[in-house]
Amino acid sequence: MTSSAISSPRGKIVAREMTAAELDDAGLLRADENVAISRYAVFVPVDELGESRPITIHAGAVIGRFAVVHGGTTIGVQAVVEDHTVVGQPELGYAVGRIHPGVGGGVHVAAGAVVRAGAVIYADVQVGVNTVVGHHCLLRTAVRVGADTQLGHHLTIERAARIGRDVRCSPGSHITSDTLLADRVFLGAGVRTINDKTLTWRDPSRRSVLAAPRFDFGAKVGSGSVVLASVTIGAHALVGAGSLVTRDIPAGALAYGHPARVQGRA
């Protein structure tokens, strides 16, 4: 862990946690006019390696009460970060076969986006224009979310997942690491995705090979379905609710069941 304070570009002491006024005094706040920052918001410009990064807040943006915003975050024009959110959290510790050292930065919440109360967004995450991140969502490191997408509440989106434009992810779903959701994909509530065929965890004699599923343009998956590792759901395919998807579903197909089988055309 780093010390609790370092020097800023202006030679000021940078505390680990700062108010907006303190951040500005240290030369680490780049805020346009007409921003609304709660006096209870907390700013953490220093990551776990002791690197300080400025925080940029563009015109019309709103930062709510008890929001925690980390260094290297950019909040776009008229974007809203609601109460009790965390934005830009550095990843620290073991995950997906390697140790994450706590590097911060690289977060961009684009113009008009909304981060609902209780959401947690890690470092190196991009949230697209007018996208909504629902209450208590978790977006892990290196996630990318396109414009005009809606992420329902209590979603978990794991590291390096890619979500396109105009995507709808309903509440309570789990998007595993490296999953691709192309533009116009629709996931119902409680969909589970899997990227591991062997369930290997820290076994020195066995290396886990992960293979995330893929959802092509306009694919739809009904609530409560489970999609296994390396499966592709083809463009405009429709998977019925409660299905167990163990093999690829062709483009335009209708499939459902345990395991899911093609039943016709969508």
Protein backbone atom coordinates (compact mmCIF):
# COMPACT_ATOMS: atom_id res chain seq x y z
CA MET A 1 0.00 0.00 0.00
CA THR A 2 1.12 3.52 -0.60
CA SER A 3 1.38 6.27 1.96
CA SER A 4 -1.74 8.29 2.69
CA ALA A 5 -0.50 11.45 0.95
CA ILE A 6 1.85 12.52 -1.86
CA SER A 7 2.68 15.75 -3.63
CA SER A 8 0.47 17.15 -6.41
CA PRO A 9 1.55 19.05 -9.58
CA ARG A 10 1.18 22.28 -7.57
CA GLY A 11 3.37 20.95 -4.78
CA LYS A 12 0.36 20.49 -2.51
CA ILE A 13 -0.03 17.47 -0.30
CA VAL A 14 -2.56 15.10 -1.86
CA ALA A 15 -4.58 13.22 0.72
CA ARG A 16 -5.98 9.84 -0.19
CA GLU A 17 -9.52 11.19 0.17
CA MET A 18 -10.38 14.78 -0.75
CA THR A 19 -13.31 17.12 -1.19
CA ALA A 20 -13.85 18.87 -4.52
CA ALA A 21 -12.37 22.07 -3.08
CA GLU A 22 -9.27 20.25 -1.86
CA LEU A 23 -8.88 18.48 -5.20
CA ASP A 24 -9.13 21.80 -7.03
CA ASP A 25 -6.59 23.40 -4.69
CA ALA A 26 -4.18 20.55 -5.47
CA GLY A 27 -4.56 21.18 -9.21
CA LEU A 28 -6.23 17.82 -9.82
CA LEU A 29 -9.80 18.90 -10.61
CA ARG A 30 -10.61 19.97 -14.17
CA ALA A 31 -14.21 21.11 -13.94
CA ASP A 32 -16.19 23.15 -16.44
CA GLU A 33 -18.73 25.75 -15.37
CA ASN A 34 -22.24 24.66 -14.44
CA VAL A 35 -21.31 21.37 -12.81
CA ALA A 36 -23.11 20.21 -9.67
CA ILE A 37 -20.87 18.42 -7.18
CA SER A 38 -22.28 17.44 -3.80
CA ARG A 39 -20.29 18.69 -0.86
CA TYR A 40 -20.42 15.11 0.41
CA ALA A 41 -18.77 13.62 -2.69
CA VAL A 42 -15.34 12.06 -2.12
CA PHE A 43 -12.42 12.18 -4.56
CA VAL A 44 -9.49 9.72 -4.47
CA PRO A 45 -6.87 10.93 -6.98
CA VAL A 46 -4.13 8.50 -5.90
CA ASP A 47 -4.14 4.82 -6.91
CA GLU A 48 -2.58 1.88 -5.06
CA LEU A 49 0.80 2.51 -6.71
CA GLY A 50 0.91 6.11 -5.52
CA GLU A 51 0.15 7.63 -8.94
CA SER A 52 -2.04 10.72 -8.84
CA ARG A 53 -4.32 11.54 -11.78
CA PRO A 54 -6.65 14.48 -12.39
CA ILE A 55 -10.43 14.12 -12.45
CA THR A 56 -12.31 15.84 -15.29
CA ILE A 57 -15.96 16.89 -14.99
CA HIS A 58 -17.64 18.49 -18.00
CA ALA A 59 -20.44 21.06 -18.20
CA GLY A 60 -23.80 20.10 -16.77
CA ALA A 61 -22.52 16.96 -15.06
CA VAL A 62 -23.84 15.98 -11.62
CA ILE A 63 -21.93 14.15 -8.87
CA GLY A 64 -24.21 12.95 -6.06
CA ARG A 65 -23.88 12.62 -2.30
CA PHE A 66 -21.29 10.17 -1.02
CA ALA A 67 -20.17 9.28 -4.53
CA VAL A 68 -16.51 8.18 -4.62
CA VAL A 69 -14.65 9.22 -7.78
CA HIS A 70 -11.10 8.00 -8.39
CA GLY A 71 -8.23 9.63 -10.24
CA GLY A 72 -8.17 9.43 -14.03
CA THR A 73 -11.97 9.58 -14.34
CA THR A 74 -13.70 11.78 -16.93
CA ILE A 75 -17.40 12.60 -16.49
CA GLY A 76 -18.99 13.80 -19.74
CA VAL A 77 -21.34 16.66 -20.52
CA GLN A 78 -24.63 16.35 -18.59
CA ALA A 79 -23.69 12.91 -17.29
CA VAL A 80 -25.08 11.99 -13.86
CA VAL A 81 -23.26 10.04 -11.17
CA GLU A 82 -25.83 9.40 -8.47
CA ASP A 83 -25.48 8.99 -4.71
CA HIS A 84 -23.32 6.24 -3.16
CA THR A 85 -21.61 5.25 -6.40
CA VAL A 86 -17.96 4.29 -6.90
CA VAL A 87 -16.32 5.31 -10.19
CA GLY A 88 -12.77 4.38 -11.19
CA GLN A 89 -11.94 1.88 -8.44
CA PRO A 90 -8.44 0.42 -9.06
CA GLU A 91 -8.36 -3.38 -9.29
CA LEU A 92 -6.22 -4.88 -6.53
CA GLY A 93 -5.49 -8.57 -5.96
CA TYR A 94 -5.75 -11.89 -7.78
CA ALA A 95 -8.27 -12.37 -10.59
CA VAL A 96 -8.42 -14.23 -13.92
CA GLY A 97 -4.99 -15.80 -13.55
CA ARG A 98 -2.97 -12.76 -12.54
CA ILE A 99 -2.34 -10.22 -9.82
CA HIS A 100 -3.81 -6.76 -10.37
CA PRO A 101 -1.55 -4.14 -8.74
CA GLY A 102 -4.13 -1.40 -8.22
CA VAL A 103 -3.56 0.81 -11.27
CA GLY A 104 -6.15 3.54 -11.61
CA GLY A 105 -7.35 5.76 -14.44
CA GLY A 106 -8.86 5.28 -17.85
CA VAL A 107 -12.52 5.74 -16.90
CA HIS A 108 -14.83 7.68 -19.19
CA VAL A 109 -18.53 8.18 -18.46
CA ALA A 110 -19.72 9.75 -21.71
CA ALA A 111 -22.13 12.62 -22.29
CA GLY A 112 -25.64 12.07 -21.03
CA ALA A 113 -24.85 8.77 -19.34
CA VAL A 114 -26.38 7.97 -15.96
CA VAL A 115 -24.72 5.89 -13.23
CA ARG A 116 -27.48 4.97 -10.79
CA ALA A 117 -27.09 4.92 -7.01
CA GLY A 118 -24.99 2.08 -5.61
CA ALA A 119 -23.22 1.18 -8.87
CA VAL A 120 -19.50 0.31 -8.76
CA ILE A 121 -17.31 0.97 -11.81
CA TYR A 122 -13.67 -0.13 -11.81
CA ALA A 123 -10.70 1.48 -13.56
CA ASP A 124 -10.31 1.43 -17.36
CA VAL A 125 -14.07 1.28 -18.04
CA GLN A 126 -15.82 3.15 -20.86
CA VAL A 127 -19.55 3.94 -20.61
CA GLY A 128 -21.15 5.20 -23.84
CA VAL A 129 -23.26 8.25 -24.64
CA ASN A 130 -26.72 8.22 -23.01
CA THR A 131 -26.17 4.78 -21.51
CA VAL A 132 -27.76 3.96 -18.15
CA VAL A 133 -25.91 1.86 -15.57
CA GLY A 134 -28.56 0.56 -13.19
CA HIS A 135 -28.67 0.60 -9.39
CA HIS A 136 -26.01 -1.60 -7.73
CA CYS A 137 -24.42 -2.75 -11.00
CA LEU A 138 -20.80 -3.91 -10.92
CA LEU A 139 -18.57 -3.17 -13.94
CA ARG A 140 -15.11 -4.67 -13.54
CA THR A 141 -11.82 -3.54 -15.10
CA ALA A 142 -11.63 -2.91 -18.87
CA VAL A 143 -15.37 -3.28 -19.56
CA ARG A 144 -16.64 -1.38 -22.62
CA VAL A 145 -20.29 -0.34 -22.99
CA GLY A 146 -21.61 1.34 -26.13
CA ALA A 147 -24.04 4.22 -26.55
CA ASP A 148 -27.76 4.15 -25.75
CA THR A 149 -27.49 0.90 -23.80
CA GLN A 150 -29.50 0.07 -20.69
CA LEU A 151 -28.00 -2.04 -17.94
CA GLY A 152 -30.68 -3.08 -15.44
CA HIS A 153 -30.09 -3.10 -11.70
CA HIS A 154 -27.88 -5.66 -9.91
CA LEU A 155 -25.91 -6.73 -13.00
CA THR A 156 -22.39 -8.12 -12.74
CA ILE A 157 -20.24 -7.45 -15.80
CA GLU A 158 -16.83 -9.05 -15.47
CA ARG A 159 -13.44 -7.96 -16.76
CA ALA A 160 -12.98 -7.02 -20.41
CA ALA A 161 -16.57 -7.77 -21.41
CA ARG A 162 -17.67 -5.83 -24.50
CA ILE A 163 -21.24 -4.54 -24.79
CA GLY A 164 -22.39 -2.77 -27.92
CA ARG A 165 -24.88 -0.02 -28.77
CA ASP A 166 -28.61 -0.18 -28.03
CA VAL A 167 -28.19 -3.26 -25.84
CA ARG A 168 -30.70 -4.13 -23.11
CA CYS A 169 -29.50 -6.24 -20.17
CA SER A 170 -32.34 -6.91 -17.74
CA PRO A 171 -31.81 -7.01 -13.95
CA GLY A 172 -29.87 -9.66 -12.09
CA SER A 173 -27.79 -11.08 -14.95
CA HIS A 174 -24.13 -12.13 -14.89
CA ILE A 175 -21.88 -11.34 -17.88
CA THR A 176 -18.65 -13.30 -17.54
CA SER A 177 -15.17 -12.06 -18.47
CA ASP A 178 -14.48 -11.39 -22.18
CA THR A 179 -18.10 -11.92 -23.24
CA LEU A 180 -19.13 -10.03 -26.38
CA LEU A 181 -22.64 -8.59 -26.69
CA ALA A 182 -22.98 -7.05 -30.15
CA ASP A 183 -25.27 -4.13 -30.96
CA ARG A 184 -29.02 -4.56 -30.31
CA VAL A 185 -28.65 -7.67 -28.13
CA PHE A 186 -31.44 -8.20 -25.56
CA LEU A 187 -30.89 -10.30 -22.42
CA GLY A 188 -33.78 -11.09 -20.10
CA ALA A 189 -33.53 -11.07 -16.31
CA GLY A 190 -31.25 -13.48 -14.50
CA VAL A 191 -29.26 -14.69 -17.53
CA ARG A 192 -26.02 -16.45 -16.59
CA THR A 193 -22.98 -16.72 -18.84
CA ILE A 194 -20.05 -19.08 -18.27
CA ASN A 195 -16.49 -18.95 -19.63
CA ASP A 196 -14.83 -21.90 -17.85
CA LYS A 197 -15.31 -25.55 -18.89
CA THR A 198 -13.08 -27.06 -16.18
CA LEU A 199 -13.72 -24.94 -13.05
CA THR A 200 -9.99 -24.69 -12.39
CA TRP A 201 -8.94 -22.29 -9.64
CA ARG A 202 -5.31 -21.69 -8.61
CA ASP A 203 -4.20 -25.20 -9.51
CA PRO A 204 -0.46 -25.08 -10.33
CA SER A 205 -0.66 -28.37 -12.23
CA ARG A 206 -3.52 -27.27 -14.47
CA ARG A 207 -4.02 -24.10 -16.43
CA SER A 208 -7.56 -22.92 -16.95
CA VAL A 209 -8.47 -22.01 -20.53
CA LEU A 210 -11.34 -19.52 -20.59
CA ALA A 211 -13.68 -19.16 -23.57
CA ALA A 212 -16.47 -16.64 -23.18
CA PRO A 213 -19.77 -16.85 -25.06
CA ARG A 214 -20.67 -14.45 -27.87
CA PHE A 215 -23.99 -12.82 -28.71
CA ASP A 216 -24.21 -11.56 -32.29
CA PHE A 217 -26.21 -8.60 -33.59
CA GLY A 218 -29.80 -8.52 -32.39
CA ALA A 219 -29.69 -11.83 -30.52
CA LYS A 220 -32.27 -12.27 -27.75
CA VAL A 221 -32.05 -14.56 -24.73
CA GLY A 222 -34.99 -15.09 -22.39
CA SER A 223 -34.95 -14.73 -18.61
CA GLY A 224 -33.31 -17.40 -16.49
CA SER A 225 -31.26 -18.92 -19.31
CA VAL A 226 -27.71 -20.23 -18.88
CA VAL A 227 -25.21 -19.90 -21.75
CA LEU A 228 -22.12 -22.11 -21.51
CA ALA A 229 -18.51 -21.39 -22.42
CA SER A 230 -17.55 -20.75 -26.08
CA VAL A 231 -21.18 -20.76 -27.28
CA THR A 232 -22.24 -18.27 -29.99
CA ILE A 233 -25.81 -17.03 -30.21
CA GLY A 234 -26.22 -16.00 -33.84
CA ALA A 235 -27.59 -12.74 -35.19
CA HIS A 236 -31.32 -12.27 -34.55
CA ALA A 237 -31.58 -15.68 -32.87
CA LEU A 238 -34.12 -16.07 -30.06
CA VAL A 239 -33.49 -18.32 -27.06
CA GLY A 240 -36.54 -19.09 -24.92
CA ALA A 241 -36.69 -18.39 -21.19
CA GLY A 242 -35.10 -20.91 -18.84
CA SER A 243 -32.96 -22.58 -21.51
CA LEU A 244 -29.60 -24.28 -21.03
CA VAL A 245 -27.51 -23.37 -24.08
CA THR A 246 -24.70 -25.88 -24.60
CA ARG A 247 -24.00 -25.40 -28.32
CA ASP A 248 -24.07 -22.64 -30.92
CA ILE A 249 -27.46 -21.30 -32.01
CA PRO A 250 -27.54 -20.36 -35.72
CA ALA A 251 -28.47 -16.89 -36.88
CA GLY A 252 -32.21 -16.33 -37.00
CA ALA A 253 -33.07 -19.56 -35.17
CA LEU A 254 -35.61 -20.11 -32.41
CA ALA A 255 -34.22 -22.38 -29.68
CA TYR A 256 -35.29 -23.46 -26.22
CA GLY A 257 -35.11 -26.33 -23.76
CA HIS A 258 -32.68 -28.29 -21.54
CA PRO A 259 -30.45 -28.46 -23.46
CA ALA A 260 -31.62 -25.83 -25.92
CA ARG A 261 -32.39 -27.17 -29.39
CA VAL A 262 -33.39 -25.36 -32.54
CA GLN A 263 -37.17 -25.49 -32.87
CA GLY A 264 -37.69 -23.24 -35.88
CA ARG A 265 -37.14 -19.68 -37.04
CA ALA A 266 -37.29 -16.66 -34.76
